[in-house]
Amino acid sequence: MPVLSRTRSVFAFRHMATASGLLLITAVSGCGLIEDRSERYVNESEGDALVLPEAADTSRFSQVMPIRQVNPADASKMYVSDIPRPPDMTAEILEENYLVEELDGRAWLLVNDVPGRIWPAVTAYMNEQGLGVAHDNPQLGLLQSELANFSMRARELLELSSAPAEATTAEPKAVLQVRIAPGVRRKTTEIQVRKLTSDGMTEAESAWPGELIPWREITVPSVNQIALQKRLLADLGEFLKTREESKTFSRAASGMVAKPLVRLISENDRPQAIRMDLDYGRSWAEVNRALVESDVGILDLNRSEGWFFVDFRSASEREPGWFSWFSDKEKPRHTHTVNLVDRDGQIQVTAQNAEGYSGDRLAEDLLKQLFDYLY
């Protein structure tokens, strides 16, 4: 029996409407199947504190991803929208110009300015704190104070005992040394401090310190030494912050700008490696920071063997496609490997494509991006 064409279109429309309704119901019901885990943060009980071995050096352990504290008395009042967000670990790096950093028993103040501007300000800090400057060498980036024993303000700063002035001849002499050097990143300065004492000096060396003492790293600094250095650096950072408007510049200190600590090695304008004139521990930390800041996903890492497994796919490669609503979230993939190798006292950073990856991003693209964030 013939069917009118208009009737046929009505039937087709009804079928399409029914299918669309079923599709919408399925999507909505599917969303309800996903567990809401947002309240676990509030209801989760506090775990036991981490117990370190007795032989472990506690100064080498700190929170990499600190968890924000929640007052138990207020936890019951919290709703999903009120759950505190985790802290932004890059906020201090992006917003603070004076940041105290610590790695492998070393502490330094990272300043977003050139050494020529920092040198006069550090000199002013030492004079204001009653330390004075007995010796300096702008080319080496070293400042050495006068004896701190005869200034009450300097004694307090260096945590010397509050002995009367006449008793200071029997105690070890103490000076503060400051080292200013160009930072790893361009147009930055790194400042280190250390307290030196005359413990163990002979009578022939009673005039100590009669000259500028060469800078030597303390192999294994004690917890108290690191704590004092970090306190002094934080105090220095606050002083420098108050002098940001000062236009004082040291021509002599500008001569300490040496060759870059991070260099990109290329052949025929194609990046081959990154060379870092740093020790292995510092190089590893800087590469890790550069990967995080450049939003390169780290899937796995091994510091002792010197490699990072990363996901360096482009945004278009990570896009799941038209049917993303009905599929799980795209999982990270190992697309590239970053390697660190110590060669003749220099760290060489290379990259290579992972087996099975045939995307658009090349290993040389990864090296170029890393260099941009390293230097």
Protein backbone atom coordinates (compact mmCIF):
# COMPACT_ATOMS: atom_id res chain seq x y z
CA MET A 1 0.00 0.00 0.00
CA PRO A 2 1.47 3.38 -0.88
CA VAL A 3 2.43 5.67 2.00
CA LEU A 4 2.34 9.39 1.72
CA SER A 5 5.80 10.98 1.74
CA ARG A 6 4.82 13.38 4.54
CA THR A 7 3.71 10.49 6.75
CA ARG A 8 7.03 8.75 6.16
CA SER A 9 8.97 11.85 7.41
CA VAL A 10 6.84 11.99 10.58
CA PHE A 11 7.66 8.35 11.35
CA ALA A 12 11.39 9.06 10.82
CA PHE A 13 11.25 12.05 13.14
CA ARG A 14 9.61 9.97 15.89
CA HIS A 15 12.33 7.32 15.61
CA MET A 16 15.08 9.95 15.83
CA ALA A 17 13.47 11.59 18.87
CA THR A 18 13.16 8.24 20.63
CA ALA A 19 16.82 7.38 19.92
CA SER A 20 17.99 10.80 21.13
CA GLY A 21 16.01 10.40 24.35
CA LEU A 22 17.49 6.99 25.04
CA LEU A 23 20.97 8.33 24.35
CA LEU A 24 20.48 11.23 26.80
CA ILE A 25 19.13 8.92 29.54
CA THR A 26 22.09 6.58 29.09
CA ALA A 27 24.58 9.44 29.34
CA VAL A 28 22.95 10.88 32.47
CA SER A 29 22.68 7.52 34.17
CA GLY A 30 26.27 6.76 33.26
CA CYS A 31 27.42 9.91 35.02
CA GLY A 32 25.66 8.74 38.16
CA LEU A 33 27.74 5.58 38.17
CA ILE A 34 30.97 7.53 38.74
CA GLU A 35 31.93 7.58 42.40
CA ASP A 36 32.25 11.02 44.01
CA ARG A 37 35.51 10.80 45.95
CA SER A 38 35.78 14.49 46.84
CA GLU A 39 34.74 13.94 50.47
CA ARG A 40 37.49 11.43 51.17
CA TYR A 41 39.91 14.27 51.88
CA VAL A 42 37.72 15.49 54.75
CA ASN A 43 36.78 12.10 56.21
CA GLU A 44 40.14 10.37 55.88
CA SER A 45 41.87 9.68 59.20
CA GLU A 46 45.38 10.95 59.80
CA GLY A 47 48.09 8.37 59.19
CA ASP A 48 51.12 7.59 61.31
CA ALA A 49 54.15 9.83 61.04
CA LEU A 50 57.05 8.60 58.93
CA VAL A 51 59.72 6.97 61.11
CA LEU A 52 63.27 7.30 59.80
CA PRO A 53 66.16 4.98 60.69
CA GLU A 54 68.33 6.18 63.56
CA ALA A 55 71.34 6.56 61.26
CA ALA A 56 69.43 8.79 58.80
CA ASP A 57 70.29 12.49 58.53
CA THR A 58 66.96 14.25 59.18
CA SER A 59 68.18 17.43 57.45
CA ARG A 60 68.05 15.62 54.09
CA PHE A 61 64.34 14.77 54.41
CA SER A 62 61.52 17.24 53.81
CA GLN A 63 58.01 17.34 52.36
CA VAL A 64 58.06 17.37 48.57
CA MET A 65 54.26 17.72 48.29
CA PRO A 66 52.99 19.04 51.64
CA ILE A 67 49.35 18.31 52.50
CA ARG A 68 47.31 21.23 53.68
CA GLN A 69 46.16 20.97 57.32
CA VAL A 70 42.44 20.67 58.07
CA ASN A 71 41.06 21.54 61.50
CA PRO A 72 39.05 18.47 62.66
CA ALA A 73 36.57 20.75 64.42
CA ASP A 74 35.66 22.38 61.12
CA ALA A 75 35.82 19.27 58.94
CA SER A 76 32.17 18.36 59.57
CA LYS A 77 31.06 21.73 58.19
CA MET A 78 32.91 21.30 54.93
CA TYR A 79 31.07 20.57 51.72
CA VAL A 80 32.43 19.42 48.40
CA SER A 81 32.93 22.98 47.16
CA ASP A 82 34.77 23.94 50.36
CA ILE A 83 37.44 21.24 50.24
CA PRO A 84 40.83 23.01 50.32
CA ARG A 85 42.82 22.88 47.13
CA PRO A 86 46.32 21.41 47.26
CA PRO A 87 49.11 24.01 47.47
CA ASP A 88 50.59 25.32 44.23
CA MET A 89 54.20 24.18 44.36
CA THR A 90 55.27 26.73 41.72
CA ALA A 91 53.66 29.74 43.41
CA GLU A 92 56.80 30.67 45.35
CA ILE A 93 59.00 30.33 42.27
CA LEU A 94 56.73 32.51 40.17
CA GLU A 95 55.83 35.16 42.75
CA GLU A 96 58.88 35.46 45.01
CA ASN A 97 62.11 37.11 43.90
CA TYR A 98 64.00 35.81 46.93
CA LEU A 99 63.70 32.09 47.53
CA VAL A 100 65.79 29.94 49.89
CA GLU A 101 66.50 26.57 48.29
CA GLU A 102 68.18 23.47 49.71
CA LEU A 103 69.63 20.38 48.07
CA ASP A 104 72.01 17.65 49.26
CA GLY A 105 73.20 19.53 52.33
CA ARG A 106 73.56 22.89 50.58
CA ALA A 107 71.40 25.98 50.97
CA TRP A 108 71.35 29.12 48.85
CA LEU A 109 69.24 32.21 48.21
CA LEU A 110 67.95 32.45 44.64
CA VAL A 111 67.50 36.07 43.55
CA ASN A 112 65.94 37.16 40.27
CA ASP A 113 68.57 39.80 39.55
CA VAL A 114 72.13 40.05 38.22
CA PRO A 115 75.19 39.84 40.53
CA GLY A 116 76.20 43.43 39.76
CA ARG A 117 73.02 44.66 41.45
CA ILE A 118 73.24 42.22 44.36
CA TRP A 119 76.86 42.86 45.39
CA PRO A 120 76.37 46.40 46.81
CA ALA A 121 73.18 45.35 48.62
CA VAL A 122 74.91 42.39 50.32
CA THR A 123 77.77 44.69 51.36
CA ALA A 124 75.23 47.08 52.89
CA TYR A 125 73.59 44.17 54.74
CA MET A 126 76.87 43.08 56.31
CA ASN A 127 77.66 46.64 57.43
CA GLU A 128 74.18 47.13 58.90
CA GLN A 129 74.40 43.86 60.86
CA GLY A 130 77.65 44.92 62.54
CA LEU A 131 79.73 42.44 60.56
CA GLY A 132 81.53 44.82 58.25
CA VAL A 133 83.62 43.68 55.28
CA ALA A 134 87.28 42.84 55.97
CA HIS A 135 88.11 41.18 52.64
CA ASP A 136 86.35 40.93 49.29
CA ASN A 137 87.03 39.68 45.80
CA PRO A 138 84.35 40.57 43.20
CA GLN A 139 85.89 38.30 40.57
CA LEU A 140 85.54 35.29 42.89
CA GLY A 141 82.27 36.60 44.27
CA LEU A 142 83.49 36.39 47.89
CA LEU A 143 82.81 38.71 50.83
CA GLN A 144 84.35 38.04 54.25
CA SER A 145 83.33 39.88 57.41
CA GLU A 146 85.44 41.26 60.20
CA LEU A 147 85.58 39.31 63.46
CA ALA A 148 82.03 38.95 64.74
CA ASN A 149 83.15 38.47 68.37
CA PHE A 150 83.33 42.18 69.16
CA SER A 151 79.87 43.21 67.98
CA MET A 152 76.82 42.27 70.03
CA ARG A 153 74.60 42.46 66.98
CA ALA A 154 76.96 40.26 64.95
CA ARG A 155 77.27 37.79 67.83
CA GLU A 156 73.52 37.43 68.00
CA LEU A 157 73.28 37.02 64.23
CA LEU A 158 75.88 34.21 64.15
CA GLU A 159 74.47 32.58 67.31
CA LEU A 160 77.57 33.12 69.44
CA SER A 161 77.26 32.95 73.22
CA SER A 162 76.40 36.15 75.07
CA ALA A 163 79.79 36.27 76.81
CA PRO A 164 81.11 39.64 78.00
CA ALA A 165 83.54 41.43 75.72
CA GLU A 166 86.60 40.70 77.89
CA ALA A 167 85.95 36.96 77.60
CA THR A 168 85.92 36.88 73.83
CA THR A 169 89.71 36.41 73.64
CA ALA A 170 89.31 32.89 75.03
CA GLU A 171 86.60 31.82 72.62
CA PRO A 172 87.02 30.78 68.98
CA LYS A 173 87.06 33.67 66.53
CA ALA A 174 84.19 33.75 64.06
CA VAL A 175 83.61 35.39 60.69
CA LEU A 176 80.86 35.21 58.09
CA GLN A 177 81.66 34.46 54.48
CA VAL A 178 79.26 35.17 51.60
CA ARG A 179 79.58 33.73 48.11
CA ILE A 180 77.73 35.44 45.23
CA ALA A 181 77.59 33.71 41.87
CA PRO A 182 75.54 33.80 38.67
CA GLY A 183 72.61 31.40 38.93
CA VAL A 184 71.79 28.46 36.72
CA ARG A 185 68.94 30.40 35.10
CA ARG A 186 69.71 33.52 33.13
CA LYS A 187 69.71 36.85 34.98
CA THR A 188 69.60 35.21 38.41
CA THR A 189 72.04 35.19 41.32
CA GLU A 190 72.69 32.50 43.91
CA ILE A 191 74.00 33.50 47.35
CA GLN A 192 75.56 31.12 49.88
CA VAL A 193 76.75 31.88 53.41
CA ARG A 194 78.82 30.05 55.98
CA LYS A 195 80.16 30.75 59.46
CA LEU A 196 83.87 30.05 59.92
CA THR A 197 85.53 29.69 63.32
CA SER A 198 89.16 29.40 64.46
CA ASP A 199 88.62 26.10 66.28
CA GLY A 200 91.84 24.06 66.30
CA MET A 201 94.07 26.96 65.26
CA THR A 202 97.62 27.09 66.69
CA GLU A 203 99.25 30.07 68.40
CA ALA A 204 101.12 30.85 65.18
CA GLU A 205 97.76 31.34 63.54
CA SER A 206 96.48 33.70 66.22
CA ALA A 207 96.11 36.48 63.63
CA TRP A 208 93.39 34.41 61.89
CA PRO A 209 91.87 35.36 59.58
CA GLY A 210 94.54 37.65 58.17
CA GLU A 211 93.40 37.20 54.55
CA LEU A 212 90.52 36.04 52.42
CA ILE A 213 89.88 32.36 53.08
CA PRO A 214 89.25 30.22 49.96
CA TRP A 215 85.67 28.99 49.62
CA ARG A 216 85.30 25.29 50.32
CA GLU A 217 82.04 23.42 50.46
CA ILE A 218 81.31 21.65 53.74
CA THR A 219 81.06 18.00 52.76
CA VAL A 220 78.51 16.96 55.37
CA PRO A 221 77.13 20.03 57.17
CA SER A 222 75.38 19.45 60.47
CA VAL A 223 71.70 20.13 61.07
CA ASN A 224 72.61 23.25 63.07
CA GLN A 225 74.88 24.55 60.30
CA ILE A 226 72.15 24.18 57.67
CA ALA A 227 69.57 25.76 59.97
CA LEU A 228 71.84 28.77 60.59
CA GLN A 229 72.56 29.19 56.88
CA LYS A 230 68.87 29.10 55.97
CA ARG A 231 68.02 31.61 58.71
CA LEU A 232 70.77 34.00 57.54
CA LEU A 233 69.71 33.64 53.91
CA ALA A 234 66.07 34.33 54.77
CA ASP A 235 67.13 37.42 56.74
CA LEU A 236 69.29 38.57 53.82
CA GLY A 237 66.38 38.03 51.43
CA GLU A 238 64.13 40.27 53.54
CA PHE A 239 66.83 42.95 53.54
CA LEU A 240 67.26 42.76 49.75
CA LYS A 241 63.49 43.02 49.29
CA THR A 242 63.47 46.38 51.07
CA ARG A 243 66.17 47.68 48.71
CA GLU A 244 64.55 46.66 45.43
CA GLU A 245 64.20 50.29 44.35
CA SER A 246 67.92 50.95 44.79
CA LYS A 247 69.75 51.48 41.50
CA THR A 248 73.23 50.81 42.92
CA PHE A 249 75.37 48.74 40.58
CA SER A 250 78.88 47.33 41.01
CA ARG A 251 81.05 47.43 37.90
CA ALA A 252 83.62 45.18 39.57
CA ALA A 253 81.01 42.57 40.48
CA SER A 254 79.65 42.59 36.94
CA GLY A 255 82.94 40.98 35.90
CA MET A 256 82.04 37.76 37.72
CA VAL A 257 79.55 36.88 34.96
CA ALA A 258 81.14 33.75 33.55
CA LYS A 259 80.19 31.32 30.83
CA PRO A 260 76.66 29.92 31.12
CA LEU A 261 76.28 26.88 33.33
CA VAL A 262 73.78 25.38 30.88
CA ARG A 263 74.51 25.13 27.15
CA LEU A 264 72.64 23.63 24.23
CA ILE A 265 74.83 21.52 21.95
CA SER A 266 73.63 21.50 18.33
CA GLU A 267 74.75 20.10 15.00
CA ASN A 268 73.43 21.67 11.79
CA ASP A 269 71.00 23.71 13.92
CA ARG A 270 69.54 20.53 15.40
CA PRO A 271 69.79 20.10 19.22
CA GLN A 272 71.81 17.05 20.21
CA ALA A 273 72.35 17.45 23.97
CA ILE A 274 72.35 19.88 26.91
CA ARG A 275 75.62 20.31 28.78
CA MET A 276 75.46 21.38 32.43
CA ASP A 277 78.51 22.58 34.40
CA LEU A 278 76.99 21.44 37.68
CA ASP A 279 77.29 18.45 39.97
CA TYR A 280 74.99 15.51 39.33
CA GLY A 281 72.58 16.21 42.21
CA ARG A 282 71.99 19.81 41.19
CA SER A 283 71.67 18.88 37.50
CA TRP A 284 69.07 16.23 38.31
CA ALA A 285 67.05 18.68 40.39
CA GLU A 286 67.15 21.35 37.66
CA VAL A 287 66.06 18.93 34.92
CA ASN A 288 63.24 17.67 37.12
CA ARG A 289 62.12 21.26 37.75
CA ALA A 290 62.25 22.09 34.04
CA LEU A 291 60.10 19.08 33.16
CA VAL A 292 57.48 20.02 35.75
CA GLU A 293 57.39 23.71 34.81
CA SER A 294 57.09 22.92 31.08
CA ASP A 295 54.13 20.57 31.73
CA VAL A 296 55.93 17.47 30.49
CA GLY A 297 54.36 14.50 32.27
CA ILE A 298 56.84 12.36 34.25
CA LEU A 299 55.73 8.72 34.30
CA ASP A 300 58.76 7.23 36.05
CA LEU A 301 62.26 8.24 37.07
CA ASN A 302 65.45 6.78 38.50
CA ARG A 303 68.05 9.17 39.87
CA SER A 304 70.77 6.57 40.42
CA GLU A 305 70.51 5.35 36.82
CA GLY A 306 69.87 8.83 35.45
CA TRP A 307 66.65 8.65 33.42
CA PHE A 308 63.14 10.09 33.21
CA PHE A 309 60.27 8.41 31.35
CA VAL A 310 58.07 11.25 30.09
CA ASP A 311 54.94 11.89 28.03
CA PHE A 312 55.86 14.59 25.50
CA ARG A 313 52.87 14.26 23.20
CA SER A 314 51.27 17.38 21.77
CA ALA A 315 47.76 18.46 22.76
CA SER A 316 46.36 17.14 19.47
CA GLU A 317 47.97 13.73 20.07
CA ARG A 318 46.41 13.52 23.52
CA GLU A 319 42.94 14.39 22.23
CA PRO A 320 40.84 11.18 22.47
CA GLY A 321 38.57 12.16 19.57
CA TRP A 322 34.83 12.49 18.96
CA PHE A 323 33.85 9.64 21.27
CA SER A 324 35.69 10.96 24.35
CA TRP A 325 32.38 11.10 26.26
CA PHE A 326 32.09 7.32 26.14
CA SER A 327 35.72 6.42 26.83
CA ASP A 328 38.04 6.63 29.80
CA LYS A 329 40.35 9.60 30.24
CA GLU A 330 43.43 9.37 28.06
CA LYS A 331 46.20 7.73 30.08
CA PRO A 332 49.79 9.05 30.04
CA ARG A 333 52.12 7.25 27.66
CA HIS A 334 55.87 6.80 27.69
CA THR A 335 56.85 8.64 24.52
CA HIS A 336 60.37 9.88 25.30
CA THR A 337 63.28 9.18 27.66
CA VAL A 338 65.52 11.87 29.14
CA ASN A 339 68.99 10.66 30.19
CA LEU A 340 71.65 12.28 32.41
CA VAL A 341 75.26 11.10 32.09
CA ASP A 342 78.37 12.39 33.89
CA ARG A 343 81.14 12.94 31.35
CA ASP A 344 84.45 14.39 32.56
CA GLY A 345 82.84 16.36 35.37
CA GLN A 346 80.05 17.73 33.20
CA ILE A 347 76.50 16.43 33.04
CA GLN A 348 75.18 15.72 29.55
CA VAL A 349 71.42 15.58 29.08
CA THR A 350 70.08 13.73 26.05
CA ALA A 351 66.64 12.61 24.88
CA GLN A 352 65.34 9.83 22.68
CA ASN A 353 62.01 8.57 21.40
CA ALA A 354 60.54 5.61 23.22
CA GLU A 355 60.07 2.38 21.33
CA GLY A 356 56.76 2.34 19.53
CA TYR A 357 56.21 6.10 19.53
CA SER A 358 55.68 7.56 16.04
CA GLY A 359 54.08 10.91 16.86
CA ASP A 360 54.96 14.43 15.80
CA ARG A 361 57.22 15.36 18.72
CA LEU A 362 60.92 14.64 18.19
CA ALA A 363 63.63 14.17 20.82
CA GLU A 364 65.29 17.39 19.64
CA ASP A 365 62.03 19.26 20.29
CA LEU A 366 62.10 18.01 23.88
CA LEU A 367 65.73 19.13 24.32
CA LYS A 368 64.94 22.60 23.01
CA GLN A 369 61.97 22.98 25.35
CA LEU A 370 64.02 21.73 28.31
CA PHE A 371 66.79 24.24 27.54
CA ASP A 372 64.27 27.10 27.44
CA TYR A 373 63.18 26.24 30.99
CA LEU A 374 66.66 25.38 32.27
CA TYR A 375 68.30 28.58 31.09
